[in-house]
Amino acid sequence: MTDIVNIYDAKTNLSKLVDRAAAGEEIVIAKAGKPKAKLVPYRTGKKRRFGQKLLGITYIADDFDEPLPPELQKYFE
């Protein structure tokens, strides 16, 4: 659930808002009723290698960038 807090209240209650965000809540900070920022939980995690989730790649052979055998290369020319 997202809560909207005006900037004055956010300055006054920053510590409490940070605790709420750390617990998983998203808090929008507004000025004159217009959203200006969002306080969200900080997430740590492993860095993803490109393509692992997207393509399901779990292994790449050491020679993956070697030239193709001539019988296959002819199809790409």
C-alpha atoms as a PDB file:
ATOM      1  CA  MET A   1       0.000   0.000   0.000  1.00  0.00           C
ATOM      2  CA  THR A   2       1.275   3.459  -0.886  1.00  0.00           C
ATOM      3  CA  ASP A   3       0.890   6.311   1.580  1.00  0.00           C
ATOM      4  CA  ILE A   4       1.132  10.003   0.592  1.00  0.00           C
ATOM      5  CA  VAL A   5       2.846  12.319   3.079  1.00  0.00           C
ATOM      6  CA  ASN A   6       3.379  16.062   2.702  1.00  0.00           C
ATOM      7  CA  ILE A   7       6.954  17.303   2.780  1.00  0.00           C
ATOM      8  CA  TYR A   8       6.636  19.025   6.176  1.00  0.00           C
ATOM      9  CA  ASP A   9       5.415  15.825   7.825  1.00  0.00           C
ATOM     10  CA  ALA A  10       8.114  13.862   6.024  1.00  0.00           C
ATOM     11  CA  LYS A  11      10.829  16.111   7.465  1.00  0.00           C
ATOM     12  CA  THR A  12       9.296  15.887  10.920  1.00  0.00           C
ATOM     13  CA  ASN A  13       8.859  12.091  10.860  1.00  0.00           C
ATOM     14  CA  LEU A  14      11.683  10.984   8.574  1.00  0.00           C
ATOM     15  CA  SER A  15      12.969   8.288  10.928  1.00  0.00           C
ATOM     16  CA  LYS A  16       9.517   6.697  11.243  1.00  0.00           C
ATOM     17  CA  LEU A  17       8.976   6.886   7.486  1.00  0.00           C
ATOM     18  CA  VAL A  18      12.321   5.192   6.836  1.00  0.00           C
ATOM     19  CA  ASP A  19      11.364   2.390   9.224  1.00  0.00           C
ATOM     20  CA  ARG A  20       8.039   1.947   7.413  1.00  0.00           C
ATOM     21  CA  ALA A  21       9.790   1.877   4.042  1.00  0.00           C
ATOM     22  CA  ALA A  22      12.325  -0.650   5.327  1.00  0.00           C
ATOM     23  CA  ALA A  23       9.382  -2.839   6.330  1.00  0.00           C
ATOM     24  CA  GLY A  24       8.223  -2.868   2.701  1.00  0.00           C
ATOM     25  CA  GLU A  25       5.883   0.093   2.446  1.00  0.00           C
ATOM     26  CA  GLU A  26       6.143   2.674  -0.339  1.00  0.00           C
ATOM     27  CA  ILE A  27       5.677   6.285   0.751  1.00  0.00           C
ATOM     28  CA  VAL A  28       5.117   9.156  -1.672  1.00  0.00           C
ATOM     29  CA  ILE A  29       6.334  12.557  -0.530  1.00  0.00           C
ATOM     30  CA  ALA A  30       4.268  15.420  -1.921  1.00  0.00           C
ATOM     31  CA  LYS A  31       4.636  19.199  -2.020  1.00  0.00           C
ATOM     32  CA  ALA A  32       1.453  21.224  -2.395  1.00  0.00           C
ATOM     33  CA  GLY A  33      -0.386  17.991  -3.132  1.00  0.00           C
ATOM     34  CA  LYS A  34       1.890  17.050  -6.058  1.00  0.00           C
ATOM     35  CA  PRO A  35       4.065  13.931  -5.736  1.00  0.00           C
ATOM     36  CA  LYS A  36       7.769  14.802  -5.691  1.00  0.00           C
ATOM     37  CA  ALA A  37       9.562  11.669  -4.441  1.00  0.00           C
ATOM     38  CA  LYS A  38       9.005   8.088  -3.396  1.00  0.00           C
ATOM     39  CA  LEU A  39      10.527   6.412  -0.368  1.00  0.00           C
ATOM     40  CA  VAL A  40      10.876   2.680  -1.024  1.00  0.00           C
ATOM     41  CA  PRO A  41      12.685  -0.219   0.664  1.00  0.00           C
ATOM     42  CA  TYR A  42      16.349  -0.629  -0.210  1.00  0.00           C
ATOM     43  CA  ARG A  43      16.938  -3.960  -1.900  1.00  0.00           C
ATOM     44  CA  THR A  44      20.233  -5.770  -1.913  1.00  0.00           C
ATOM     45  CA  GLY A  45      20.775  -8.736  -4.109  1.00  0.00           C
ATOM     46  CA  LYS A  46      23.045 -10.515  -6.467  1.00  0.00           C
ATOM     47  CA  LYS A  47      23.979  -8.816  -9.676  1.00  0.00           C
ATOM     48  CA  ARG A  48      22.318 -10.571 -12.554  1.00  0.00           C
ATOM     49  CA  ARG A  49      24.330 -11.525 -15.565  1.00  0.00           C
ATOM     50  CA  PHE A  50      22.670 -10.400 -18.757  1.00  0.00           C
ATOM     51  CA  GLY A  51      20.588 -13.121 -20.337  1.00  0.00           C
ATOM     52  CA  GLN A  52      20.441 -15.594 -17.489  1.00  0.00           C
ATOM     53  CA  LYS A  53      16.854 -14.859 -16.504  1.00  0.00           C
ATOM     54  CA  LEU A  54      15.739 -13.669 -19.890  1.00  0.00           C
ATOM     55  CA  LEU A  55      17.011 -16.601 -21.920  1.00  0.00           C
ATOM     56  CA  GLY A  56      17.475 -19.268 -19.288  1.00  0.00           C
ATOM     57  CA  ILE A  57      21.187 -19.545 -20.094  1.00  0.00           C
ATOM     58  CA  THR A  58      23.060 -21.437 -17.414  1.00  0.00           C
ATOM     59  CA  TYR A  59      26.198 -22.469 -19.284  1.00  0.00           C
ATOM     60  CA  ILE A  60      28.315 -21.027 -22.094  1.00  0.00           C
ATOM     61  CA  ALA A  61      31.066 -23.158 -23.601  1.00  0.00           C
ATOM     62  CA  ASP A  62      34.630 -21.818 -23.572  1.00  0.00           C
ATOM     63  CA  ASP A  63      34.788 -22.003 -27.373  1.00  0.00           C
ATOM     64  CA  PHE A  64      31.418 -20.319 -28.068  1.00  0.00           C
ATOM     65  CA  ASP A  65      33.072 -17.556 -30.131  1.00  0.00           C
ATOM     66  CA  GLU A  66      35.308 -19.810 -32.211  1.00  0.00           C
ATOM     67  CA  PRO A  67      34.684 -19.937 -35.984  1.00  0.00           C
ATOM     68  CA  LEU A  68      32.019 -22.361 -37.143  1.00  0.00           C
ATOM     69  CA  PRO A  69      33.006 -25.544 -38.939  1.00  0.00           C
ATOM     70  CA  PRO A  70      33.127 -24.994 -42.722  1.00  0.00           C
ATOM     71  CA  GLU A  71      30.071 -27.224 -43.328  1.00  0.00           C
ATOM     72  CA  LEU A  72      27.963 -24.862 -41.155  1.00  0.00           C
ATOM     73  CA  GLN A  73      29.640 -21.580 -42.120  1.00  0.00           C
ATOM     74  CA  LYS A  74      28.496 -21.954 -45.753  1.00  0.00           C
ATOM     75  CA  TYR A  75      24.869 -21.428 -44.635  1.00  0.00           C
ATOM     76  CA  PHE A  76      25.705 -17.981 -43.249  1.00  0.00           C
ATOM     77  CA  GLU A  77      27.471 -16.597 -46.301  1.00  0.00           C
END
